[in-house]
N, C-alpha and C. Protein backbone atom coordinates (compact mmCIF):
# COMPACT_ATOMS: atom_id res chain seq x y z
N MET A 1 0.81 -1.18 0.00
CA MET A 1 0.00 0.00 0.00
C MET A 1 0.86 1.26 0.00
N ALA A 2 1.95 1.21 0.76
CA ALA A 2 2.86 2.35 0.80
C ALA A 2 3.47 2.57 -0.57
N LEU A 3 3.75 1.48 -1.27
CA LEU A 3 4.31 1.58 -2.61
C LEU A 3 3.31 2.22 -3.57
N ALA A 4 2.06 1.88 -3.46
CA ALA A 4 1.02 2.46 -4.32
C ALA A 4 0.86 3.94 -4.03
N ALA A 5 0.95 4.33 -2.78
CA ALA A 5 0.82 5.74 -2.41
C ALA A 5 2.00 6.54 -2.94
N SER A 6 3.22 6.00 -2.87
CA SER A 6 4.38 6.74 -3.37
C SER A 6 4.33 6.84 -4.89
N ALA A 7 3.78 5.85 -5.56
CA ALA A 7 3.63 5.90 -7.02
C ALA A 7 2.63 6.98 -7.41
N ALA A 8 1.60 7.14 -6.60
CA ALA A 8 0.60 8.17 -6.89
C ALA A 8 1.20 9.57 -6.75
N PHE A 9 2.09 9.74 -5.80
CA PHE A 9 2.73 11.05 -5.63
C PHE A 9 3.81 11.30 -6.68
N ALA A 10 4.40 10.25 -7.19
CA ALA A 10 5.46 10.39 -8.19
C ALA A 10 4.90 10.78 -9.54
N LEU A 11 3.68 10.39 -9.83
CA LEU A 11 3.10 10.69 -11.13
C LEU A 11 2.95 12.19 -11.38
N PRO A 12 2.42 12.97 -10.44
CA PRO A 12 2.33 14.40 -10.71
C PRO A 12 3.71 15.04 -10.89
N ALA A 13 4.71 14.60 -10.17
CA ALA A 13 6.05 15.16 -10.33
C ALA A 13 6.58 14.88 -11.73
N ALA A 14 6.32 13.68 -12.23
CA ALA A 14 6.77 13.35 -13.58
C ALA A 14 6.04 14.19 -14.61
N ALA A 15 4.78 14.48 -14.34
CA ALA A 15 4.01 15.30 -15.27
C ALA A 15 4.55 16.73 -15.34
N GLN A 16 5.16 17.22 -14.25
CA GLN A 16 5.71 18.57 -14.25
C GLN A 16 6.98 18.67 -15.08
N VAL A 17 7.69 17.57 -15.24
CA VAL A 17 8.92 17.57 -16.01
C VAL A 17 8.63 17.63 -17.50
N ALA A 18 7.49 17.11 -17.90
CA ALA A 18 7.12 17.09 -19.31
C ALA A 18 6.94 18.51 -19.83
N PRO A 19 7.26 18.76 -21.10
CA PRO A 19 7.10 20.11 -21.65
C PRO A 19 5.64 20.57 -21.62
N SER A 20 5.49 21.83 -21.40
CA SER A 20 4.16 22.42 -21.35
C SER A 20 3.54 22.46 -22.74
N PRO A 21 2.24 22.21 -22.86
CA PRO A 21 1.61 22.27 -24.17
C PRO A 21 1.41 23.71 -24.64
N PHE A 22 1.64 24.69 -23.76
CA PHE A 22 1.43 26.09 -24.12
C PHE A 22 2.69 26.67 -24.75
N VAL A 23 2.52 27.49 -25.74
CA VAL A 23 3.64 28.12 -26.41
C VAL A 23 3.53 29.62 -26.19
N THR A 24 4.61 30.22 -25.72
CA THR A 24 4.63 31.67 -25.53
C THR A 24 5.09 32.31 -26.83
N VAL A 25 4.28 33.19 -27.35
CA VAL A 25 4.62 33.88 -28.59
C VAL A 25 5.09 35.28 -28.23
N MET A 26 6.34 35.57 -28.56
CA MET A 26 6.91 36.90 -28.31
C MET A 26 6.71 37.74 -29.56
N PRO A 27 6.48 39.05 -29.41
CA PRO A 27 6.33 39.89 -30.58
C PRO A 27 7.64 39.97 -31.36
N ASP A 28 7.53 40.11 -32.66
CA ASP A 28 8.71 40.24 -33.50
C ASP A 28 9.25 41.65 -33.33
N THR A 29 10.39 41.78 -32.70
CA THR A 29 10.96 43.10 -32.45
C THR A 29 12.01 43.46 -33.48
N GLN A 30 12.12 42.72 -34.54
CA GLN A 30 13.01 42.99 -35.64
C GLN A 30 14.43 43.26 -35.16
N GLY A 31 14.86 42.50 -34.18
CA GLY A 31 16.22 42.64 -33.70
C GLY A 31 16.45 43.84 -32.80
N VAL A 32 15.42 44.47 -32.30
CA VAL A 32 15.58 45.60 -31.40
C VAL A 32 16.07 45.07 -30.06
N PRO A 33 17.21 45.56 -29.58
CA PRO A 33 17.72 45.08 -28.29
C PRO A 33 16.74 45.35 -27.15
N ALA A 34 16.71 44.45 -26.20
CA ALA A 34 15.79 44.58 -25.07
C ALA A 34 16.06 45.86 -24.27
N THR A 35 17.31 46.28 -24.19
CA THR A 35 17.62 47.51 -23.45
C THR A 35 17.01 48.74 -24.12
N VAL A 36 16.97 48.73 -25.45
CA VAL A 36 16.36 49.84 -26.18
C VAL A 36 14.86 49.86 -25.94
N LEU A 37 14.23 48.68 -26.06
CA LEU A 37 12.78 48.60 -25.81
C LEU A 37 12.44 49.06 -24.39
N ASP A 38 13.24 48.63 -23.43
CA ASP A 38 13.00 49.01 -22.05
C ASP A 38 13.11 50.52 -21.86
N ALA A 39 14.13 51.12 -22.46
CA ALA A 39 14.35 52.56 -22.30
C ALA A 39 13.21 53.38 -22.90
N VAL A 40 12.76 53.02 -24.08
CA VAL A 40 11.70 53.82 -24.71
C VAL A 40 10.34 53.56 -24.09
N GLN A 41 10.10 52.34 -23.62
CA GLN A 41 8.80 52.05 -23.04
C GLN A 41 8.62 52.67 -21.67
N ARG A 42 9.70 53.14 -21.07
CA ARG A 42 9.62 53.84 -19.78
C ARG A 42 9.40 55.34 -19.94
N LEU A 43 9.39 55.82 -21.16
CA LEU A 43 9.23 57.25 -21.40
C LEU A 43 7.84 57.74 -21.00
N PRO A 44 7.78 58.90 -20.35
CA PRO A 44 6.46 59.52 -20.14
C PRO A 44 5.98 60.12 -21.46
N ALA A 45 4.72 60.39 -21.55
CA ALA A 45 4.15 60.97 -22.76
C ALA A 45 4.62 62.41 -22.94
N THR A 46 4.85 62.77 -24.20
CA THR A 46 5.31 64.11 -24.56
C THR A 46 4.14 64.89 -25.16
N PRO A 47 3.74 66.00 -24.54
CA PRO A 47 2.60 66.76 -25.05
C PRO A 47 2.95 67.79 -26.12
N ALA A 48 4.25 68.08 -26.28
CA ALA A 48 4.66 69.11 -27.26
C ALA A 48 5.92 68.65 -27.99
N LEU A 49 6.03 69.05 -29.23
CA LEU A 49 7.15 68.63 -30.07
C LEU A 49 8.23 69.71 -30.18
N GLU A 50 7.93 70.93 -29.76
CA GLU A 50 8.85 72.04 -29.95
C GLU A 50 10.19 71.84 -29.24
N ALA A 51 10.16 71.50 -27.95
CA ALA A 51 11.41 71.33 -27.19
C ALA A 51 12.26 70.18 -27.74
N PRO A 52 11.70 69.00 -28.02
CA PRO A 52 12.54 67.95 -28.60
C PRO A 52 13.11 68.32 -29.97
N LEU A 53 12.34 69.03 -30.79
CA LEU A 53 12.86 69.44 -32.09
C LEU A 53 14.02 70.42 -31.95
N ARG A 54 13.87 71.39 -31.05
CA ARG A 54 14.94 72.38 -30.87
C ARG A 54 16.16 71.79 -30.18
N SER A 55 15.95 70.79 -29.32
CA SER A 55 17.07 70.17 -28.61
C SER A 55 17.67 68.99 -29.36
N ALA A 56 17.07 68.57 -30.46
CA ALA A 56 17.52 67.38 -31.19
C ALA A 56 19.00 67.38 -31.56
N PRO A 57 19.60 68.51 -31.96
CA PRO A 57 21.04 68.47 -32.26
C PRO A 57 21.89 68.06 -31.06
N CYS A 58 21.37 68.19 -29.86
CA CYS A 58 22.10 67.76 -28.66
C CYS A 58 22.33 66.25 -28.63
N ALA A 59 21.68 65.52 -29.54
CA ALA A 59 21.94 64.08 -29.64
C ALA A 59 23.39 63.83 -30.04
N PHE A 60 24.06 64.85 -30.59
CA PHE A 60 25.46 64.72 -30.98
C PHE A 60 26.39 65.48 -30.04
N ALA A 61 25.92 65.90 -28.89
CA ALA A 61 26.78 66.56 -27.91
C ALA A 61 27.81 65.56 -27.39
N ASP A 62 28.97 66.05 -27.00
CA ASP A 62 30.04 65.17 -26.52
C ASP A 62 29.63 64.34 -25.30
N SER A 63 28.77 64.89 -24.47
CA SER A 63 28.38 64.19 -23.25
C SER A 63 27.26 63.17 -23.46
N THR A 64 26.65 63.14 -24.62
CA THR A 64 25.51 62.25 -24.87
C THR A 64 25.98 60.82 -25.12
N ARG A 65 25.29 59.90 -24.50
CA ARG A 65 25.57 58.48 -24.67
C ARG A 65 24.30 57.77 -25.14
N HIS A 66 24.49 56.60 -25.72
CA HIS A 66 23.38 55.76 -26.18
C HIS A 66 22.44 55.49 -25.00
N LEU A 67 21.16 55.67 -25.22
CA LEU A 67 20.07 55.46 -24.26
C LEU A 67 20.00 56.55 -23.18
N ASP A 68 20.78 57.63 -23.33
CA ASP A 68 20.66 58.77 -22.42
C ASP A 68 19.39 59.54 -22.72
N ARG A 69 18.93 60.28 -21.73
CA ARG A 69 17.86 61.24 -21.98
C ARG A 69 18.44 62.36 -22.83
N LEU A 70 17.63 62.93 -23.68
CA LEU A 70 18.09 63.99 -24.57
C LEU A 70 18.50 65.21 -23.75
N ALA A 71 19.73 65.65 -23.97
CA ALA A 71 20.18 66.89 -23.34
C ALA A 71 19.39 68.05 -23.94
N SER A 72 19.38 69.16 -23.25
CA SER A 72 18.58 70.29 -23.72
C SER A 72 19.46 71.52 -23.92
N ASN A 73 19.19 72.24 -24.99
CA ASN A 73 19.84 73.53 -25.20
C ASN A 73 18.88 74.67 -24.87
N LEU A 74 17.77 74.32 -24.27
CA LEU A 74 16.79 75.29 -23.80
C LEU A 74 16.80 75.24 -22.27
N PRO A 75 17.10 76.35 -21.60
CA PRO A 75 17.23 76.29 -20.14
C PRO A 75 15.96 75.88 -19.41
N TRP A 76 14.81 76.08 -20.00
CA TRP A 76 13.54 75.79 -19.33
C TRP A 76 12.97 74.43 -19.67
N ALA A 77 13.63 73.67 -20.55
CA ALA A 77 13.03 72.42 -21.03
C ALA A 77 13.86 71.20 -20.64
N GLN A 78 13.17 70.15 -20.31
CA GLN A 78 13.76 68.84 -20.11
C GLN A 78 12.95 67.85 -20.95
N PRO A 79 13.28 67.74 -22.25
CA PRO A 79 12.47 66.87 -23.12
C PRO A 79 12.45 65.42 -22.63
N ALA A 80 11.27 64.84 -22.66
CA ALA A 80 11.11 63.43 -22.30
C ALA A 80 11.38 62.60 -23.55
N ALA A 81 12.67 62.40 -23.83
CA ALA A 81 13.08 61.67 -25.04
C ALA A 81 14.38 60.93 -24.75
N VAL A 82 14.60 59.86 -25.49
CA VAL A 82 15.80 59.04 -25.36
C VAL A 82 16.59 59.11 -26.66
N VAL A 83 17.91 59.19 -26.54
CA VAL A 83 18.79 59.22 -27.71
C VAL A 83 19.24 57.80 -28.04
N LEU A 84 19.08 57.42 -29.29
CA LEU A 84 19.53 56.11 -29.75
C LEU A 84 20.62 56.29 -30.80
N PHE A 85 21.73 55.61 -30.60
CA PHE A 85 22.79 55.62 -31.60
C PHE A 85 22.52 54.54 -32.65
N ASP A 86 21.89 53.46 -32.21
CA ASP A 86 21.53 52.35 -33.10
C ASP A 86 20.42 51.54 -32.44
N GLY A 87 19.99 50.49 -33.13
CA GLY A 87 18.96 49.61 -32.57
C GLY A 87 17.55 49.99 -32.95
N LEU A 88 17.38 51.02 -33.79
CA LEU A 88 16.05 51.43 -34.23
C LEU A 88 15.87 51.01 -35.68
N PRO A 89 14.84 50.20 -35.99
CA PRO A 89 14.62 49.81 -37.38
C PRO A 89 14.43 51.04 -38.27
N GLY A 90 15.15 51.07 -39.38
CA GLY A 90 15.04 52.16 -40.33
C GLY A 90 15.95 53.35 -40.07
N LEU A 91 16.79 53.28 -39.04
CA LEU A 91 17.71 54.38 -38.74
C LEU A 91 18.88 54.32 -39.70
N PRO A 92 19.05 55.37 -40.53
CA PRO A 92 20.16 55.35 -41.49
C PRO A 92 21.52 55.40 -40.77
N PRO A 93 22.54 54.81 -41.36
CA PRO A 93 23.88 54.84 -40.76
C PRO A 93 24.37 56.28 -40.58
N GLY A 94 25.04 56.53 -39.47
CA GLY A 94 25.58 57.86 -39.20
C GLY A 94 24.62 58.81 -38.52
N ARG A 95 23.35 58.46 -38.52
CA ARG A 95 22.36 59.30 -37.86
C ARG A 95 22.06 58.76 -36.48
N ARG A 96 21.50 59.62 -35.68
CA ARG A 96 21.01 59.22 -34.37
C ARG A 96 19.53 59.50 -34.33
N ALA A 97 18.86 58.85 -33.41
CA ALA A 97 17.42 59.05 -33.28
C ALA A 97 17.10 59.57 -31.89
N VAL A 98 16.12 60.45 -31.86
CA VAL A 98 15.56 60.93 -30.60
C VAL A 98 14.15 60.38 -30.56
N VAL A 99 13.89 59.48 -29.63
CA VAL A 99 12.60 58.78 -29.56
C VAL A 99 11.77 59.37 -28.43
N LEU A 100 10.51 59.65 -28.73
CA LEU A 100 9.59 60.15 -27.72
C LEU A 100 8.25 59.47 -27.86
N ARG A 101 7.49 59.49 -26.77
CA ARG A 101 6.15 58.90 -26.75
C ARG A 101 5.15 60.05 -26.87
N PRO A 102 4.46 60.15 -28.00
CA PRO A 102 3.53 61.27 -28.18
C PRO A 102 2.19 61.06 -27.47
N THR A 103 1.58 62.14 -27.07
CA THR A 103 0.21 62.08 -26.57
C THR A 103 -0.73 62.08 -27.78
N ARG A 104 -1.97 61.74 -27.57
CA ARG A 104 -2.96 61.78 -28.66
C ARG A 104 -3.14 63.21 -29.16
N GLU A 105 -3.09 64.16 -28.23
CA GLU A 105 -3.26 65.56 -28.60
C GLU A 105 -2.11 66.01 -29.50
N LEU A 106 -0.89 65.59 -29.19
CA LEU A 106 0.26 65.95 -30.02
C LEU A 106 0.10 65.39 -31.43
N LEU A 107 -0.35 64.15 -31.54
CA LEU A 107 -0.55 63.54 -32.85
C LEU A 107 -1.68 64.19 -33.62
N ALA A 108 -2.66 64.75 -32.92
CA ALA A 108 -3.81 65.35 -33.59
C ALA A 108 -3.50 66.73 -34.16
N ARG A 109 -2.42 67.34 -33.73
CA ARG A 109 -2.08 68.69 -34.21
C ARG A 109 -1.63 68.66 -35.66
N ALA A 110 -2.08 69.64 -36.40
CA ALA A 110 -1.69 69.76 -37.81
C ALA A 110 -0.19 70.02 -37.92
N ALA A 111 0.38 70.78 -36.98
CA ALA A 111 1.82 71.08 -37.02
C ALA A 111 2.65 69.80 -36.86
N THR A 112 2.20 68.88 -36.04
CA THR A 112 2.91 67.61 -35.86
C THR A 112 2.87 66.81 -37.14
N ARG A 113 1.71 66.74 -37.76
CA ARG A 113 1.58 65.99 -39.02
C ARG A 113 2.41 66.62 -40.13
N GLU A 114 2.57 67.96 -40.10
CA GLU A 114 3.44 68.63 -41.08
C GLU A 114 4.89 68.22 -40.89
N VAL A 115 5.34 68.17 -39.63
CA VAL A 115 6.71 67.76 -39.34
C VAL A 115 6.93 66.33 -39.82
N ILE A 116 5.98 65.46 -39.59
CA ILE A 116 6.10 64.07 -40.02
C ILE A 116 6.14 63.99 -41.55
N ALA A 117 5.31 64.78 -42.22
CA ALA A 117 5.25 64.76 -43.68
C ALA A 117 6.53 65.30 -44.32
N GLN A 118 7.24 66.17 -43.61
CA GLN A 118 8.48 66.74 -44.17
C GLN A 118 9.60 65.71 -44.23
N GLY A 119 9.49 64.64 -43.49
CA GLY A 119 10.51 63.60 -43.49
C GLY A 119 11.46 63.76 -42.32
N GLY A 120 12.31 62.75 -42.15
CA GLY A 120 13.23 62.76 -41.02
C GLY A 120 12.59 62.33 -39.72
N VAL A 121 11.34 61.89 -39.80
CA VAL A 121 10.60 61.42 -38.64
C VAL A 121 9.99 60.07 -39.00
N SER A 122 10.13 59.12 -38.11
CA SER A 122 9.48 57.83 -38.35
C SER A 122 8.54 57.52 -37.20
N LEU A 123 7.50 56.77 -37.51
CA LEU A 123 6.51 56.36 -36.53
C LEU A 123 6.74 54.89 -36.20
N HIS A 124 6.54 54.54 -34.92
CA HIS A 124 6.83 53.18 -34.49
C HIS A 124 5.75 52.66 -33.57
N ALA A 125 5.55 51.34 -33.63
CA ALA A 125 4.60 50.64 -32.75
C ALA A 125 5.25 50.43 -31.39
N ILE A 126 4.53 49.83 -30.47
CA ILE A 126 5.01 49.62 -29.10
C ILE A 126 6.27 48.76 -29.06
N ASP A 127 6.48 47.89 -30.06
CA ASP A 127 7.69 47.06 -30.11
C ASP A 127 8.77 47.68 -31.00
N LEU A 128 8.59 48.96 -31.36
CA LEU A 128 9.48 49.75 -32.20
C LEU A 128 9.50 49.31 -33.66
N SER A 129 8.57 48.46 -34.06
CA SER A 129 8.49 48.13 -35.48
C SER A 129 7.99 49.37 -36.23
N PRO A 130 8.51 49.61 -37.43
CA PRO A 130 8.13 50.80 -38.19
C PRO A 130 6.66 50.77 -38.61
N LEU A 131 6.06 51.94 -38.65
CA LEU A 131 4.69 52.12 -39.11
C LEU A 131 4.68 53.09 -40.29
N PRO A 132 3.65 53.05 -41.11
CA PRO A 132 3.57 54.03 -42.21
C PRO A 132 3.36 55.43 -41.66
N VAL A 133 3.72 56.45 -42.45
CA VAL A 133 3.63 57.84 -41.99
C VAL A 133 2.20 58.29 -41.73
N ASP A 134 1.23 57.56 -42.24
CA ASP A 134 -0.16 57.94 -41.99
C ASP A 134 -0.81 57.09 -40.89
N ALA A 135 0.02 56.38 -40.11
CA ALA A 135 -0.53 55.56 -39.02
C ALA A 135 -1.27 56.46 -38.04
N PRO A 136 -2.48 56.09 -37.65
CA PRO A 136 -3.29 56.98 -36.81
C PRO A 136 -2.80 57.11 -35.38
N THR A 137 -2.31 56.04 -34.78
CA THR A 137 -1.90 56.11 -33.37
C THR A 137 -0.59 55.36 -33.14
N PRO A 138 0.53 55.95 -33.52
CA PRO A 138 1.81 55.30 -33.22
C PRO A 138 2.11 55.39 -31.73
N SER A 139 2.88 54.48 -31.24
CA SER A 139 3.30 54.51 -29.83
C SER A 139 4.50 55.42 -29.63
N PHE A 140 5.35 55.52 -30.67
CA PHE A 140 6.55 56.34 -30.56
C PHE A 140 6.78 57.12 -31.84
N ILE A 141 7.43 58.27 -31.68
CA ILE A 141 7.92 59.07 -32.80
C ILE A 141 9.43 59.11 -32.67
N ALA A 142 10.13 58.90 -33.78
CA ALA A 142 11.59 58.99 -33.78
C ALA A 142 12.01 60.11 -34.71
N LEU A 143 12.76 61.05 -34.18
CA LEU A 143 13.34 62.13 -34.98
C LEU A 143 14.72 61.65 -35.41
N HIS A 144 14.96 61.56 -36.71
CA HIS A 144 16.25 61.10 -37.23
C HIS A 144 17.14 62.33 -37.38
N ILE A 145 18.26 62.33 -36.66
CA ILE A 145 19.12 63.50 -36.60
C ILE A 145 20.43 63.21 -37.32
N ALA A 146 20.72 64.04 -38.33
CA ALA A 146 21.99 63.92 -39.05
C ALA A 146 23.07 64.62 -38.24
N PRO A 147 24.32 64.17 -38.36
CA PRO A 147 25.39 64.83 -37.62
C PRO A 147 25.50 66.30 -38.05
N PRO A 148 25.57 67.22 -37.09
CA PRO A 148 25.71 68.64 -37.45
C PRO A 148 27.12 68.93 -37.96
N GLU A 149 27.27 70.00 -38.72
CA GLU A 149 28.59 70.38 -39.24
C GLU A 149 29.52 70.82 -38.12
N THR A 150 28.96 71.48 -37.12
CA THR A 150 29.74 71.89 -35.96
C THR A 150 29.11 71.28 -34.72
N PRO A 151 29.91 71.00 -33.70
CA PRO A 151 29.34 70.40 -32.49
C PRO A 151 28.27 71.32 -31.87
N PRO A 152 27.21 70.74 -31.39
CA PRO A 152 26.15 71.56 -30.78
C PRO A 152 26.66 72.25 -29.51
N GLU A 153 26.18 73.45 -29.28
CA GLU A 153 26.61 74.23 -28.11
C GLU A 153 25.46 74.43 -27.15
N GLY A 154 25.81 74.59 -25.90
CA GLY A 154 24.80 74.91 -24.88
C GLY A 154 23.95 73.74 -24.45
N CYS A 155 24.35 72.52 -24.78
CA CYS A 155 23.56 71.36 -24.41
C CYS A 155 23.87 70.97 -22.97
N VAL A 156 22.85 70.91 -22.15
CA VAL A 156 22.99 70.55 -20.74
C VAL A 156 22.34 69.20 -20.53
N ALA A 157 23.13 68.27 -20.01
CA ALA A 157 22.60 66.92 -19.74
C ALA A 157 21.53 67.01 -18.66
N GLN A 158 20.53 66.18 -18.80
CA GLN A 158 19.45 66.15 -17.80
C GLN A 158 19.89 65.34 -16.58
N PRO A 159 19.37 65.69 -15.42
CA PRO A 159 19.72 64.90 -14.24
C PRO A 159 19.15 63.49 -14.37
N PRO A 160 19.82 62.51 -13.75
CA PRO A 160 19.29 61.14 -13.83
C PRO A 160 17.93 61.04 -13.15
N ARG A 161 17.12 60.10 -13.64
CA ARG A 161 15.78 59.91 -13.08
C ARG A 161 15.83 59.12 -11.82
């Protein structure tokens, strides 16, 4: 009887060793590093595009590092944006990207849509996969910044969060 009882307890343990019939499907991140996804998904929403656009050349400041918050050349602004040197699908070589999370109000503005239509801006889904320029609700906007001819001046790094 003791042998039968131990066999009954052994069966559930053996069942736990067997592979699970469930399959976890991860989103296709097109090779986006997990650290990049983590950094951009922690961004607060940005209600205005003016400060990130004006501070965008600071992506090439000497003090800027990959995944840093965007330094600001405006004394009153601390743009909620992350600088990417690489790891963003569609980022041309030699350029850097400033990624921000737009609010619905920001996307609804005609001025924002004009900036997107002019080029140099890409729209991205929550997993940073590229979206068409007419996507109604992107999760992220990436400003593609070409290296400036002269180093940017007046860029002040933001304090750590």
